[in-house]
Amino acid sequence: MNRDTILNITIFGALVATALLAHVAGQGFTVTLATKAAIFALAGVGLNLALGYGGLVSFGHAAFFGIGGYVTGIFASHAAAGTPVLTLPFTVMGSTDMLGIWPVAMAAAGLAALAIGALSLRTSGVYFIMVTLAFAQMLYYFAISWPRYGGEDGLSFYTRNNFPGLNPFSPLHYFAICATLLGLALIFTAVVTQSRFGLALQAARQNSQRTVAVGIRPYAIRLTAFVLSGMIVGLAGALYADLNRFVSPAMLSWHMSGEIMVFVILGGVGRLCGPVAGAAIFILLEHLLGGISDYWQALLGLLLLGIVLFAPGGVLGLLSRRGRHV
């Protein structure tokens, strides 16, 4: 077991231990903060697959985050009202079953990622960034102008969806659900990035012309990674909507895309548990500094600037480097 593996296990274990200790101490709010960190980390893991391993600097992943959230909100609100979500070409009823909603949220986000990626990946560099941003903003303004589901006021559904054998209203139980999905996403990412597909993806990031020379099509590899990335982020959006029992166009905005990217950069781009560390740091700073000043994001900006200038590998890169010198 190498240092990076030990570091990854330590970071994930620290997140779980924080929630467990907070539960024992009767601090439900802290458990909820850990849950929020786990959800944001899951979104960061999704983006990291495209950004860290594929070199795809997407500024539109909030689109998939919001789609996952809206799928959850729409199904839950229709279930509460007893009305169908769709009637043609076949009837689809609302649902409060997490195990039924998650695949739909991931499929919807994956289809959106397929459409957006198929067009965006025909460009590169700053053009790719702007095209992904444009698609996300299109969906953002669509959500604002969609009065059936709240428009710019968002959609409240007042209940948390069900999971077999657990009480999702219990902070610890809901954290367990989110942490388990985060762990599965981390395992999936580790397996994928070490597979032939993952190695081809990283080769395309480093030198696409050489991958073409050996018979690998970078476009297909990158599109597949983009779709997988979107599906993971869509699942995170579904969990976030359930956590708040509310979904709004803000989940689709470029601010959310920027936050997800911050999680990855803070923790370490291309590092397995980088998004976990980044999301935890972000939530911690938001909680501690938010009570000091309404402009706490400026302090976060300074920290991010310091990371970029002095620790390009993020917090994990810094810790890993120090570990090698010990």
Protein backbone atom coordinates (compact mmCIF):
# COMPACT_ATOMS: atom_id res chain seq x y z
CA MET A 1 0.00 0.00 0.00
CA ASN A 2 1.63 3.26 -1.14
CA ARG A 3 1.46 6.70 0.49
CA ASP A 4 -1.26 8.00 -1.84
CA THR A 5 -3.54 5.07 -0.98
CA ILE A 6 -2.98 5.59 2.74
CA LEU A 7 -3.65 9.32 2.32
CA ASN A 8 -6.89 8.64 0.41
CA ILE A 9 -8.13 6.21 3.06
CA THR A 10 -7.20 8.68 5.81
CA ILE A 11 -9.12 11.54 4.21
CA PHE A 12 -12.25 9.49 3.58
CA GLY A 13 -11.99 7.99 7.06
CA ALA A 14 -11.66 11.47 8.60
CA LEU A 15 -14.92 12.54 6.95
CA VAL A 16 -16.73 9.46 8.28
CA ALA A 17 -15.18 9.84 11.74
CA THR A 18 -16.29 13.49 11.90
CA ALA A 19 -19.90 12.52 11.27
CA LEU A 20 -19.80 9.63 13.78
CA LEU A 21 -18.21 11.71 16.54
CA ALA A 22 -20.67 14.55 15.92
CA HIS A 23 -23.56 12.09 16.16
CA VAL A 24 -22.27 10.68 19.46
CA ALA A 25 -21.91 14.25 20.78
CA GLY A 26 -25.48 15.04 19.73
CA GLN A 27 -24.39 17.64 17.15
CA GLY A 28 -26.81 16.91 14.33
CA PHE A 29 -25.87 20.12 12.52
CA THR A 30 -22.25 18.98 12.20
CA VAL A 31 -23.45 15.66 10.77
CA THR A 32 -25.44 17.63 8.20
CA LEU A 33 -22.32 19.65 7.32
CA ALA A 34 -20.42 16.38 6.81
CA THR A 35 -23.27 15.15 4.61
CA LYS A 36 -23.09 18.32 2.53
CA ALA A 37 -19.33 17.84 2.20
CA ALA A 38 -19.85 14.24 1.04
CA ILE A 39 -22.37 15.35 -1.60
CA PHE A 40 -20.14 18.14 -2.89
CA ALA A 41 -17.21 15.70 -2.86
CA LEU A 42 -19.26 13.31 -5.02
CA ALA A 43 -19.86 16.13 -7.51
CA GLY A 44 -16.14 16.89 -7.44
CA VAL A 45 -15.28 13.24 -8.06
CA GLY A 46 -17.47 13.38 -11.16
CA LEU A 47 -15.81 16.54 -12.47
CA ASN A 48 -12.36 15.18 -11.58
CA LEU A 49 -12.91 12.25 -13.92
CA ALA A 50 -13.27 14.66 -16.84
CA LEU A 51 -10.96 17.44 -15.64
CA GLY A 52 -8.23 15.66 -13.72
CA TYR A 53 -7.88 12.53 -15.82
CA GLY A 54 -9.23 13.71 -19.17
CA GLY A 55 -8.01 17.30 -19.19
CA LEU A 56 -11.52 18.57 -20.00
CA VAL A 57 -11.92 21.95 -18.30
CA SER A 58 -15.70 22.05 -18.17
CA PHE A 59 -17.44 25.11 -16.76
CA GLY A 60 -20.88 23.62 -17.28
CA HIS A 61 -21.11 20.70 -14.87
CA ALA A 62 -23.73 22.57 -12.88
CA ALA A 63 -26.08 21.55 -15.70
CA PHE A 64 -25.81 17.90 -14.65
CA PHE A 65 -25.94 18.79 -10.96
CA GLY A 66 -29.15 20.73 -11.52
CA ILE A 67 -30.71 18.08 -13.74
CA GLY A 68 -30.22 15.48 -11.02
CA GLY A 69 -31.78 17.84 -8.50
CA TYR A 70 -34.78 18.67 -10.66
CA VAL A 71 -35.46 15.00 -11.42
CA THR A 72 -35.63 14.37 -7.66
CA GLY A 73 -37.80 17.40 -7.00
CA ILE A 74 -40.19 16.71 -9.87
CA PHE A 75 -40.72 13.06 -8.96
CA ALA A 76 -41.19 13.86 -5.27
CA SER A 77 -43.63 16.73 -5.90
CA HIS A 78 -45.73 14.63 -8.28
CA ALA A 79 -45.75 11.77 -5.77
CA ALA A 80 -47.05 14.13 -3.08
CA ALA A 81 -49.76 15.47 -5.41
CA GLY A 82 -50.65 12.01 -6.76
CA THR A 83 -50.24 13.19 -10.37
CA PRO A 84 -48.22 11.60 -13.20
CA VAL A 85 -44.91 13.06 -14.31
CA LEU A 86 -45.61 12.01 -17.91
CA THR A 87 -48.71 10.75 -19.65
CA LEU A 88 -47.41 10.32 -23.19
CA PRO A 89 -46.17 8.06 -24.74
CA PHE A 90 -46.72 6.17 -21.48
CA THR A 91 -47.66 7.11 -17.94
CA VAL A 92 -44.87 7.76 -15.44
CA MET A 93 -46.01 8.36 -11.88
CA GLY A 94 -44.18 10.33 -9.23
CA SER A 95 -42.01 8.47 -6.74
CA THR A 96 -40.41 8.91 -3.33
CA ASP A 97 -38.13 5.88 -3.70
CA MET A 98 -34.46 6.87 -3.82
CA LEU A 99 -33.47 3.63 -5.53
CA GLY A 100 -35.95 4.43 -8.31
CA ILE A 101 -35.13 8.13 -8.62
CA TRP A 102 -31.33 7.86 -8.69
CA PRO A 103 -31.12 5.85 -11.95
CA VAL A 104 -33.51 8.31 -13.63
CA ALA A 105 -31.45 11.27 -12.40
CA MET A 106 -28.22 9.68 -13.61
CA ALA A 107 -29.75 8.72 -16.96
CA ALA A 108 -31.12 12.24 -17.51
CA ALA A 109 -27.78 13.81 -16.60
CA GLY A 110 -25.96 11.27 -18.79
CA LEU A 111 -28.16 12.04 -21.81
CA ALA A 112 -27.58 15.76 -21.31
CA ALA A 113 -23.83 15.11 -21.02
CA LEU A 114 -23.93 13.06 -24.22
CA ALA A 115 -25.64 15.87 -26.15
CA ILE A 116 -23.48 18.64 -24.66
CA GLY A 117 -20.26 16.64 -24.94
CA ALA A 118 -20.92 15.55 -28.53
CA LEU A 119 -20.96 19.21 -29.57
CA SER A 120 -18.51 20.71 -27.07
CA LEU A 121 -15.76 18.16 -27.73
CA ARG A 122 -15.54 19.32 -31.33
CA THR A 123 -13.78 22.35 -29.86
CA SER A 124 -10.86 22.64 -27.45
CA GLY A 125 -9.22 25.02 -25.03
CA VAL A 126 -11.09 28.19 -24.12
CA TYR A 127 -13.74 27.41 -26.75
CA PHE A 128 -14.62 24.17 -24.96
CA ILE A 129 -14.91 26.06 -21.66
CA MET A 130 -17.23 28.66 -23.18
CA VAL A 131 -19.43 26.14 -24.99
CA THR A 132 -19.99 24.06 -21.84
CA LEU A 133 -20.74 27.26 -19.92
CA ALA A 134 -23.21 28.34 -22.60
CA PHE A 135 -25.12 25.05 -22.42
CA ALA A 136 -25.34 25.24 -18.64
CA GLN A 137 -26.62 28.81 -18.80
CA MET A 138 -29.23 27.79 -21.37
CA LEU A 139 -30.59 25.22 -18.91
CA TYR A 140 -30.37 27.76 -16.09
CA TYR A 141 -32.56 30.26 -17.93
CA PHE A 142 -34.91 27.48 -18.99
CA ALA A 143 -35.41 26.55 -15.33
CA ILE A 144 -36.07 30.21 -14.45
CA SER A 145 -38.77 30.40 -17.13
CA TRP A 146 -40.40 27.07 -16.14
CA PRO A 147 -43.29 28.22 -13.90
CA ARG A 148 -44.74 24.71 -13.56
CA TYR A 149 -41.87 23.82 -11.24
CA GLY A 150 -41.42 27.12 -9.44
CA GLY A 151 -39.48 29.15 -11.98
CA GLU A 152 -36.89 31.38 -10.32
CA ASP A 153 -38.45 30.70 -6.89
CA GLY A 154 -37.50 27.02 -7.07
CA LEU A 155 -39.45 23.93 -6.08
CA SER A 156 -40.01 22.71 -2.50
CA PHE A 157 -41.17 19.16 -1.92
CA TYR A 158 -41.28 19.12 1.90
CA THR A 159 -40.36 15.47 2.31
CA ARG A 160 -37.24 13.40 1.95
CA ASN A 161 -37.41 10.37 -0.30
CA ASN A 162 -37.30 6.85 1.12
CA PHE A 163 -34.46 4.35 1.33
CA PRO A 164 -35.14 0.72 2.37
CA GLY A 165 -34.21 -0.04 5.97
CA LEU A 166 -33.07 3.50 6.83
CA ASN A 167 -34.65 6.71 8.05
CA PRO A 168 -33.47 9.45 5.67
CA PHE A 169 -34.67 12.11 8.14
CA SER A 170 -31.99 10.92 10.56
CA PRO A 171 -28.85 13.00 9.90
CA LEU A 172 -26.59 9.99 10.49
CA HIS A 173 -28.63 7.69 8.25
CA TYR A 174 -28.64 10.20 5.41
CA PHE A 175 -24.92 10.76 5.85
CA ALA A 176 -24.42 6.98 5.63
CA ILE A 177 -26.27 6.94 2.31
CA CYS A 178 -24.23 9.81 0.87
CA ALA A 179 -20.89 8.54 2.21
CA THR A 180 -21.54 5.07 0.82
CA LEU A 181 -22.28 6.47 -2.63
CA LEU A 182 -19.17 8.65 -2.39
CA GLY A 183 -17.09 5.59 -1.49
CA LEU A 184 -18.53 3.64 -4.43
CA ALA A 185 -17.80 6.55 -6.77
CA LEU A 186 -14.20 6.68 -5.54
CA ILE A 187 -13.78 2.93 -6.09
CA PHE A 188 -15.35 3.25 -9.54
CA THR A 189 -13.01 6.11 -10.44
CA ALA A 190 -9.96 4.19 -9.20
CA VAL A 191 -10.91 1.13 -11.25
CA VAL A 192 -11.76 3.12 -14.38
CA THR A 193 -8.62 5.24 -14.33
CA GLN A 194 -6.41 2.16 -13.97
CA SER A 195 -8.19 0.29 -16.76
CA ARG A 196 -7.25 0.35 -20.44
CA PHE A 197 -9.93 2.99 -20.97
CA GLY A 198 -8.52 5.16 -18.18
CA LEU A 199 -4.98 4.87 -19.47
CA ALA A 200 -6.16 5.81 -22.96
CA LEU A 201 -8.02 8.81 -21.50
CA GLN A 202 -4.90 10.02 -19.73
CA ALA A 203 -2.84 9.44 -22.85
CA ALA A 204 -5.31 11.57 -24.84
CA ARG A 205 -4.94 14.30 -22.23
CA GLN A 206 -1.15 14.26 -22.49
CA ASN A 207 -0.81 13.98 -26.27
CA SER A 208 -3.87 13.41 -28.46
CA GLN A 209 -1.83 13.15 -31.66
CA ARG A 210 0.11 10.17 -30.37
CA THR A 211 -3.10 8.41 -29.32
CA VAL A 212 -4.41 8.83 -32.87
CA ALA A 213 -1.14 7.40 -34.19
CA VAL A 214 -1.61 4.19 -32.18
CA GLY A 215 -5.23 3.78 -33.31
CA ILE A 216 -7.11 5.35 -30.38
CA ARG A 217 -9.87 7.87 -31.10
CA PRO A 218 -9.58 10.66 -28.49
CA TYR A 219 -13.06 11.99 -29.29
CA ALA A 220 -14.84 8.75 -28.33
CA ILE A 221 -12.71 8.29 -25.22
CA ARG A 222 -13.29 11.85 -24.03
CA LEU A 223 -17.02 11.72 -24.77
CA THR A 224 -17.38 8.53 -22.73
CA ALA A 225 -15.51 10.12 -19.82
CA PHE A 226 -17.66 13.25 -20.11
CA VAL A 227 -20.87 11.20 -19.95
CA LEU A 228 -19.66 9.17 -16.95
CA SER A 229 -18.63 12.40 -15.27
CA GLY A 230 -22.06 13.94 -15.89
CA MET A 231 -23.86 10.90 -14.46
CA ILE A 232 -21.87 11.03 -11.21
CA VAL A 233 -22.52 14.76 -10.85
CA GLY A 234 -26.23 14.15 -11.58
CA LEU A 235 -26.37 11.67 -8.71
CA ALA A 236 -24.79 14.28 -6.43
CA GLY A 237 -27.45 16.77 -7.52
CA ALA A 238 -30.20 14.29 -6.62
CA LEU A 239 -28.71 13.84 -3.13
CA TYR A 240 -28.34 17.59 -2.65
CA ALA A 241 -31.97 18.20 -3.57
CA ASP A 242 -33.05 15.54 -1.08
CA LEU A 243 -30.83 17.05 1.62
CA ASN A 244 -32.49 20.46 1.28
CA ARG A 245 -35.89 19.18 0.12
CA PHE A 246 -35.68 22.04 -2.34
CA VAL A 247 -34.35 22.59 -5.84
CA SER A 248 -33.84 25.88 -7.65
CA PRO A 249 -32.20 27.27 -10.81
CA ALA A 250 -29.19 28.20 -8.65
CA MET A 251 -28.13 24.55 -8.90
CA LEU A 252 -27.70 25.11 -12.64
CA SER A 253 -25.84 28.42 -12.47
CA TRP A 254 -22.23 29.07 -13.38
CA HIS A 255 -21.56 29.80 -9.71
CA MET A 256 -22.23 26.14 -8.93
CA SER A 257 -19.95 25.05 -11.78
CA GLY A 258 -17.25 27.25 -10.28
CA GLU A 259 -17.74 25.80 -6.79
CA ILE A 260 -17.45 22.24 -8.06
CA MET A 261 -14.23 23.19 -9.83
CA VAL A 262 -12.93 24.81 -6.64
CA PHE A 263 -13.42 21.51 -4.76
CA VAL A 264 -11.21 19.75 -7.29
CA ILE A 265 -8.52 22.45 -7.43
CA LEU A 266 -8.32 22.84 -3.64
CA GLY A 267 -7.92 19.13 -3.04
CA GLY A 268 -5.80 18.32 -6.05
CA VAL A 269 -6.62 17.91 -9.73
CA GLY A 270 -6.26 14.30 -10.88
CA ARG A 271 -6.00 12.95 -7.33
CA LEU A 272 -8.55 10.37 -6.24
CA CYS A 273 -9.61 11.93 -2.93
CA GLY A 274 -8.70 15.47 -3.96
CA PRO A 275 -12.39 16.47 -4.29
CA VAL A 276 -13.13 15.00 -0.85
CA ALA A 277 -10.45 17.14 0.80
CA GLY A 278 -11.43 20.17 -1.27
CA ALA A 279 -15.14 19.90 -0.46
CA ALA A 280 -14.41 19.42 3.25
CA ILE A 281 -12.15 22.49 3.32
CA PHE A 282 -14.75 24.52 1.43
CA ILE A 283 -17.57 23.57 3.83
CA LEU A 284 -15.34 24.20 6.85
CA LEU A 285 -14.35 27.66 5.61
CA GLU A 286 -17.94 28.49 4.73
CA HIS A 287 -19.04 27.54 8.25
CA LEU A 288 -16.21 29.23 10.14
CA LEU A 289 -15.67 32.34 8.04
CA GLY A 290 -19.32 32.84 7.09
CA GLY A 291 -20.07 33.91 10.65
CA ILE A 292 -17.22 36.42 10.60
CA SER A 293 -17.91 38.20 7.34
CA ASP A 294 -20.36 38.14 4.46
CA TYR A 295 -17.32 38.39 2.17
CA TRP A 296 -15.74 35.12 3.24
CA GLN A 297 -15.43 34.12 -0.42
CA ALA A 298 -12.64 36.72 -0.73
CA LEU A 299 -10.62 34.81 1.86
CA LEU A 300 -11.36 31.60 -0.03
CA GLY A 301 -10.11 33.30 -3.17
CA LEU A 302 -6.83 34.14 -1.47
CA LEU A 303 -6.46 30.52 -0.34
CA LEU A 304 -7.20 29.30 -3.86
CA LEU A 305 -4.64 31.73 -5.26
CA GLY A 306 -2.05 30.42 -2.81
CA ILE A 307 -2.83 26.82 -3.79
CA VAL A 308 -2.44 27.58 -7.48
CA LEU A 309 0.82 29.49 -7.00
CA PHE A 310 2.58 27.42 -4.33
CA ALA A 311 0.87 24.01 -4.38
CA PRO A 312 -0.34 23.23 -7.92
CA GLY A 313 -1.10 19.67 -6.82
CA GLY A 314 -3.60 20.94 -4.25
CA VAL A 315 -3.74 19.98 -0.59
CA LEU A 316 -3.22 16.30 -1.38
CA GLY A 317 -0.23 17.07 -3.54
CA LEU A 318 1.27 19.12 -0.71
CA LEU A 319 0.65 16.38 1.87
CA SER A 320 1.95 13.68 -0.43
CA ARG A 321 5.12 15.65 -1.13
CA ARG A 322 5.73 16.24 2.57
CA GLY A 323 5.12 12.57 3.28
CA ARG A 324 7.91 11.62 0.91
CA HIS A 325 10.36 13.88 2.76
CA VAL A 326 9.53 12.42 6.17
